[in-house]
C-alpha atoms as a PDB file:
ATOM      1  CA  MET A   1     -87.285 116.498-134.505  1.00  0.00           C
ATOM      2  CA  SER A   2     -84.492 117.695-132.709  1.00  0.00           C
ATOM      3  CA  LEU A   3     -84.336 118.629-129.220  1.00  0.00           C
ATOM      4  CA  ARG A   4     -84.099 122.372-128.974  1.00  0.00           C
ATOM      5  CA  PHE A   5     -81.811 122.363-125.932  1.00  0.00           C
ATOM      6  CA  SER A   6     -78.949 121.059-127.864  1.00  0.00           C
ATOM      7  CA  SER A   7     -78.312 124.674-128.904  1.00  0.00           C
ATOM      8  CA  PRO A   8     -75.753 126.788-126.918  1.00  0.00           C
ATOM      9  CA  VAL A   9     -78.622 129.109-126.106  1.00  0.00           C
ATOM     10  CA  GLY A  10     -80.812 126.321-125.184  1.00  0.00           C
ATOM     11  CA  ARG A  11     -77.853 124.999-122.728  1.00  0.00           C
ATOM     12  CA  ILE A  12     -77.606 128.301-121.182  1.00  0.00           C
ATOM     13  CA  ALA A  13     -81.135 128.259-120.724  1.00  0.00           C
ATOM     14  CA  VAL A  14     -81.526 126.391-117.770  1.00  0.00           C
ATOM     15  CA  MET A  15     -78.637 126.807-116.015  1.00  0.00           C
ATOM     16  CA  SER A  16     -80.303 127.442-113.126  1.00  0.00           C
ATOM     17  CA  LEU A  17     -79.033 129.082-110.090  1.00  0.00           C
ATOM     18  CA  VAL A  18     -76.264 130.758-107.539  1.00  0.00           C
ATOM     19  CA  ALA A  19     -73.268 132.647-107.183  1.00  0.00           C
ATOM     20  CA  LEU A  20     -69.810 134.099-105.528  1.00  0.00           C
ATOM     21  CA  THR A  21     -69.064 136.416-102.406  1.00  0.00           C
ATOM     22  CA  MET A  22     -69.152 140.127-102.586  1.00  0.00           C
ATOM     23  CA  SER A  23     -67.715 142.167 -99.982  1.00  0.00           C
ATOM     24  CA  ALA A  24     -66.275 143.146 -96.549  1.00  0.00           C
ATOM     25  CA  PRO A  25     -65.007 140.303 -94.170  1.00  0.00           C
ATOM     26  CA  ILE A  26     -64.673 137.357 -96.135  1.00  0.00           C
ATOM     27  CA  ALA A  27     -66.345 134.896 -93.161  1.00  0.00           C
ATOM     28  CA  ASP A  28     -69.248 137.530 -93.434  1.00  0.00           C
ATOM     29  CA  ALA A  29     -69.762 137.346 -96.759  1.00  0.00           C
ATOM     30  CA  ALA A  30     -69.302 133.604 -97.089  1.00  0.00           C
ATOM     31  CA  SER A  31     -72.106 133.052 -94.254  1.00  0.00           C
ATOM     32  CA  ARG A  32     -74.220 135.446 -96.175  1.00  0.00           C
ATOM     33  CA  ASP A  33     -73.757 133.495 -99.404  1.00  0.00           C
ATOM     34  CA  LYS A  34     -74.304 130.079 -97.396  1.00  0.00           C
ATOM     35  CA  ARG A  35     -77.713 131.339 -96.491  1.00  0.00           C
ATOM     36  CA  PHE A  36     -78.497 132.362 -99.905  1.00  0.00           C
ATOM     37  CA  PHE A  37     -77.743 128.997-101.399  1.00  0.00           C
ATOM     38  CA  GLN A  38     -79.717 127.143 -98.249  1.00  0.00           C
ATOM     39  CA  SER A  39     -82.574 129.445 -99.165  1.00  0.00           C
ATOM     40  CA  VAL A  40     -82.903 128.649-102.823  1.00  0.00           C
ATOM     41  CA  ALA A  41     -82.638 124.835-101.645  1.00  0.00           C
ATOM     42  CA  GLY A  42     -85.768 122.696-102.434  1.00  0.00           C
ATOM     43  CA  VAL A  43     -87.881 121.875-105.877  1.00  0.00           C
ATOM     44  CA  TRP A  44     -88.646 124.307-108.295  1.00  0.00           C
ATOM     45  CA  LYS A  45     -90.954 124.295-111.364  1.00  0.00           C
ATOM     46  CA  GLY A  46     -91.998 126.705-113.879  1.00  0.00           C
ATOM     47  CA  PRO A  47     -92.144 127.803-117.609  1.00  0.00           C
ATOM     48  CA  GLY A  48     -89.570 129.696-119.574  1.00  0.00           C
ATOM     49  CA  GLU A  49     -89.017 130.966-122.959  1.00  0.00           C
ATOM     50  CA  ILE A  50     -85.813 131.404-125.338  1.00  0.00           C
ATOM     51  CA  VAL A  51     -86.532 135.390-126.211  1.00  0.00           C
ATOM     52  CA  ALA A  52     -83.590 135.572-128.485  1.00  0.00           C
ATOM     53  CA  GLY A  53     -81.836 133.846-131.182  1.00  0.00           C
ATOM     54  CA  LYS A  54     -82.525 130.958-133.777  1.00  0.00           C
ATOM     55  CA  TYR A  55     -85.003 129.451-131.245  1.00  0.00           C
ATOM     56  CA  LYS A  56     -86.699 132.649-129.919  1.00  0.00           C
ATOM     57  CA  GLY A  57     -90.285 131.503-128.956  1.00  0.00           C
ATOM     58  CA  THR A  58     -89.453 128.273-128.219  1.00  0.00           C
ATOM     59  CA  LYS A  59     -91.524 127.652-124.655  1.00  0.00           C
ATOM     60  CA  PHE A  60     -90.051 125.050-122.257  1.00  0.00           C
ATOM     61  CA  THR A  61     -90.728 123.847-118.561  1.00  0.00           C
ATOM     62  CA  CYS A  62     -88.461 122.711-116.159  1.00  0.00           C
ATOM     63  CA  SER A  63     -88.617 120.884-112.779  1.00  0.00           C
ATOM     64  CA  LEU A  64     -85.134 121.214-110.870  1.00  0.00           C
ATOM     65  CA  THR A  65     -84.187 120.214-107.389  1.00  0.00           C
ATOM     66  CA  GLY A  66     -81.513 122.044-105.559  1.00  0.00           C
ATOM     67  CA  LEU A  67     -79.289 121.058-102.741  1.00  0.00           C
ATOM     68  CA  PRO A  68     -77.171 123.377-100.929  1.00  0.00           C
ATOM     69  CA  ALA A  69     -73.242 122.238-100.830  1.00  0.00           C
ATOM     70  CA  ASP A  70     -72.676 119.855 -97.787  1.00  0.00           C
ATOM     71  CA  GLY A  71     -70.765 120.875 -94.267  1.00  0.00           C
ATOM     72  CA  ASN A  72     -68.811 124.180 -94.298  1.00  0.00           C
ATOM     73  CA  MET A  73     -68.671 124.234 -98.294  1.00  0.00           C
ATOM     74  CA  VAL A  74     -70.732 127.142 -99.714  1.00  0.00           C
ATOM     75  CA  GLY A  75     -72.551 126.478-103.027  1.00  0.00           C
ATOM     76  CA  LEU A  76     -75.115 124.377-104.664  1.00  0.00           C
ATOM     77  CA  THR A  77     -76.357 121.692-107.170  1.00  0.00           C
ATOM     78  CA  LEU A  78     -79.121 121.854-109.033  1.00  0.00           C
ATOM     79  CA  ASP A  79     -80.446 118.705-110.909  1.00  0.00           C
ATOM     80  CA  GLY A  80     -83.860 118.171-112.788  1.00  0.00           C
ATOM     81  CA  THR A  81     -85.049 118.447-116.648  1.00  0.00           C
ATOM     82  CA  CYS A  82     -86.582 120.738-118.782  1.00  0.00           C
ATOM     83  CA  ARG A  83     -89.248 119.806-121.566  1.00  0.00           C
ATOM     84  CA  VAL A  84     -90.012 121.235-124.526  1.00  0.00           C
ATOM     85  CA  GLY A  85     -93.178 119.203-125.802  1.00  0.00           C
ATOM     86  CA  VAL A  86     -92.565 115.473-125.703  1.00  0.00           C
ATOM     87  CA  PHE A  87     -88.977 115.757-125.445  1.00  0.00           C
ATOM     88  CA  SER A  88     -86.993 115.972-121.943  1.00  0.00           C
ATOM     89  CA  GLN A  89     -83.545 117.081-121.214  1.00  0.00           C
ATOM     90  CA  PRO A  90     -81.234 116.327-118.259  1.00  0.00           C
ATOM     91  CA  MET A  91     -80.028 119.472-116.295  1.00  0.00           C
ATOM     92  CA  LYS A  92     -77.528 119.682-114.054  1.00  0.00           C
ATOM     93  CA  ALA A  93     -75.402 122.657-112.533  1.00  0.00           C
ATOM     94  CA  THR A  94     -72.887 122.467-109.775  1.00  0.00           C
ATOM     95  CA  ILE A  95     -71.791 125.593-108.283  1.00  0.00           C
ATOM     96  CA  ALA A  96     -69.154 125.915-105.409  1.00  0.00           C
ATOM     97  CA  GLU A  97     -66.729 128.497-103.908  1.00  0.00           C
ATOM     98  CA  VAL A  98     -63.522 127.563-104.383  1.00  0.00           C
ATOM     99  CA  GLY A  99     -60.359 129.752-102.991  1.00  0.00           C
ATOM    100  CA  GLY A 100     -62.721 132.547-102.725  1.00  0.00           C
ATOM    101  CA  LYS A 101     -64.118 132.276-106.200  1.00  0.00           C
ATOM    102  CA  TYR A 102     -66.930 130.751-107.369  1.00  0.00           C
ATOM    103  CA  GLN A 103     -66.593 128.176-110.027  1.00  0.00           C
ATOM    104  CA  GLY A 104     -68.864 125.476-111.545  1.00  0.00           C
ATOM    105  CA  GLN A 105     -70.155 123.585-114.590  1.00  0.00           C
ATOM    106  CA  PHE A 106     -73.471 123.136-116.241  1.00  0.00           C
ATOM    107  CA  LEU A 107     -73.527 119.884-117.687  1.00  0.00           C
ATOM    108  CA  ASP A 108     -70.426 118.604-118.266  1.00  0.00           C
ATOM    109  CA  GLY A 109     -68.793 122.246-118.828  1.00  0.00           C
ATOM    110  CA  ALA A 110     -67.611 123.842-121.867  1.00  0.00           C
ATOM    111  CA  GLU A 111     -65.042 121.078-122.505  1.00  0.00           C
ATOM    112  CA  GLY A 112     -67.968 119.143-123.282  1.00  0.00           C
ATOM    113  CA  LYS A 113     -71.458 120.065-124.024  1.00  0.00           C
ATOM    114  CA  GLY A 114     -72.156 122.471-121.348  1.00  0.00           C
ATOM    115  CA  LEU A 115     -70.980 125.978-119.721  1.00  0.00           C
ATOM    116  CA  ASP A 116     -68.285 126.579-116.953  1.00  0.00           C
ATOM    117  CA  ILE A 117     -69.494 128.961-114.448  1.00  0.00           C
ATOM    118  CA  VAL A 118     -66.466 131.390-113.974  1.00  0.00           C
ATOM    119  CA  SER A 119     -67.713 134.036-111.312  1.00  0.00           C
ATOM    120  CA  GLY A 120     -70.575 135.029-109.357  1.00  0.00           C
ATOM    121  CA  ALA A 121     -71.713 137.440-106.780  1.00  0.00           C
ATOM    122  CA  VAL A 122     -74.675 137.258-104.303  1.00  0.00           C
ATOM    123  CA  THR A 123     -76.331 140.527-103.270  1.00  0.00           C
ATOM    124  CA  GLY A 124     -79.326 140.486-100.919  1.00  0.00           C
ATOM    125  CA  ASP A 125     -82.303 138.269-102.656  1.00  0.00           C
ATOM    126  CA  ARG A 126     -80.171 137.861-106.049  1.00  0.00           C
ATOM    127  CA  VAL A 127     -77.018 136.037-107.548  1.00  0.00           C
ATOM    128  CA  VAL A 128     -75.046 137.061-110.681  1.00  0.00           C
ATOM    129  CA  MET A 129     -73.153 134.080-112.471  1.00  0.00           C
ATOM    130  CA  GLY A 130     -70.707 134.768-115.074  1.00  0.00           C
ATOM    131  CA  ILE A 131     -70.970 131.877-117.613  1.00  0.00           C
ATOM    132  CA  ASN A 132     -68.444 130.887-120.282  1.00  0.00           C
ATOM    133  CA  ARG A 133     -68.337 128.552-123.451  1.00  0.00           C
ATOM    134  CA  ASN A 134     -65.631 129.093-126.135  1.00  0.00           C
ATOM    135  CA  LYS A 135     -66.087 132.812-127.133  1.00  0.00           C
ATOM    136  CA  LEU A 136     -69.595 133.056-125.683  1.00  0.00           C
ATOM    137  CA  ASN A 137     -69.478 135.100-122.309  1.00  0.00           C
ATOM    138  CA  GLY A 138     -72.651 135.851-120.629  1.00  0.00           C
ATOM    139  CA  ALA A 139     -74.473 135.880-117.001  1.00  0.00           C
ATOM    140  CA  MET A 140     -77.174 134.174-115.519  1.00  0.00           C
ATOM    141  CA  VAL A 141     -79.013 136.281-112.722  1.00  0.00           C
ATOM    142  CA  ALA A 142     -81.207 134.823-110.335  1.00  0.00           C
ATOM    143  CA  ARG A 143     -83.749 136.792-108.357  1.00  0.00           C
ATOM    144  CA  LEU A 144     -85.949 135.392-105.143  1.00  0.00           C
ATOM    145  CA  HIS A 145     -88.909 137.630-105.331  1.00  0.00           C
ATOM    146  CA  ASN A 146     -90.260 135.773-101.990  1.00  0.00           C
ATOM    147  CA  ASP A 147     -89.720 132.045-100.454  1.00  0.00           C
ATOM    148  CA  SER A 148     -91.789 130.747-103.448  1.00  0.00           C
ATOM    149  CA  ALA A 149     -90.902 132.748-106.524  1.00  0.00           C
ATOM    150  CA  MET A 150     -87.568 133.016-108.405  1.00  0.00           C
ATOM    151  CA  ASN A 151     -87.130 134.415-111.746  1.00  0.00           C
ATOM    152  CA  ILE A 152     -83.796 133.705-113.909  1.00  0.00           C
ATOM    153  CA  THR A 153     -82.421 135.561-116.764  1.00  0.00           C
ATOM    154  CA  ILE A 154     -79.759 134.240-118.979  1.00  0.00           C
ATOM    155  CA  SER A 155     -78.113 136.834-120.918  1.00  0.00           C
ATOM    156  CA  VAL A 156     -75.200 136.682-123.631  1.00  0.00           C
ATOM    157  CA  LYS A 157     -72.540 139.457-124.712  1.00  0.00           C
ATOM    158  CA  VAL A 158     -72.872 140.513-127.800  1.00  0.00           C
ATOM    159  CA  GLU A 159     -70.068 143.544-128.662  1.00  0.00           C
ATOM    160  CA  ASP A 160     -70.629 145.752-126.035  1.00  0.00           C
ATOM    161  CA  ARG A 161     -73.829 145.081-124.276  1.00  0.00           C
ATOM    162  CA  MET A 162     -75.802 142.270-122.708  1.00  0.00           C
ATOM    163  CA  VAL A 163     -78.584 140.750-124.372  1.00  0.00           C
ATOM    164  CA  PRO A 164     -81.331 138.808-122.753  1.00  0.00           C
ATOM    165  CA  VAL A 165     -81.738 134.948-124.488  1.00  0.00           C
ATOM    166  CA  ILE A 166     -83.791 133.340-121.900  1.00  0.00           C
ATOM    167  CA  GLY A 167     -86.318 133.743-119.167  1.00  0.00           C
ATOM    168  CA  LEU A 168     -87.392 131.439-116.510  1.00  0.00           C
ATOM    169  CA  LYS A 169     -90.142 131.803-113.929  1.00  0.00           C
ATOM    170  CA  LEU A 170     -89.824 129.211-110.999  1.00  0.00           C
ATOM    171  CA  ASN A 171     -92.243 128.377-108.090  1.00  0.00           C
ATOM    172  CA  ARG A 172     -90.993 126.507-105.120  1.00  0.00           C
ATOM    173  CA  GLN A 173     -92.986 123.239-104.925  1.00  0.00           C
ATOM    174  CA  ALA A 174     -93.784 123.158-101.016  1.00  0.00           C
ATOM    175  CA  ASP A 175     -95.166 119.583-100.898  1.00  0.00           C
ATOM    176  CA  ALA A 176     -92.200 118.295-102.842  1.00  0.00           C
ATOM    177  CA  MET A 177     -89.915 120.045-100.432  1.00  0.00           C
ATOM    178  CA  ALA A 178     -91.456 118.681 -97.514  1.00  0.00           C
ATOM    179  CA  ASP A 179     -91.098 115.224 -98.989  1.00  0.00           C
ATOM    180  CA  THR A 180     -87.097 115.500 -99.787  1.00  0.00           C
ATOM    181  CA  THR A 181     -86.471 116.934 -96.088  1.00  0.00           C
ATOM    182  CA  ASN A 182     -88.507 114.080 -94.363  1.00  0.00           C
ATOM    183  CA  ASN A 183     -86.584 111.205 -96.220  1.00  0.00           C
END
């Protein structure tokens, strides 16, 4: 039995989280974005499902730790695993603001077996990231419902419309976060 996260849709699935500057004074936008990334830092766990494509109906569970970029940098590194049954897949995404634009990669990027993060925007409690791999274009939307709940939807472009393919509901793990901040 092969690990279902080896499909392009599965790899998109866990791209988990983050964004780009939007408007007005760049310093204010960078400060707003930095606050957003800091607010999603921590340990997140929860279920997801592939809702379209070859692996439609596949359910998985993820455990991810988000760390904001160091110093004055704006961005996030998300690291952890997602599990389908007894199979586990390492997941890692790195996003950083570079030259006024967000970029990064999921796993080893589009040159390897992952995806490139090519754009993004933070708006309030929501971030939208543009993702790309060869001819596959799409978006990842992460929305904070409150300090302890976040939904992520991955969509791909099919002709002229975006089609949701993966949904993920994450909950912040308060005890685990306390452990990471005390070390």
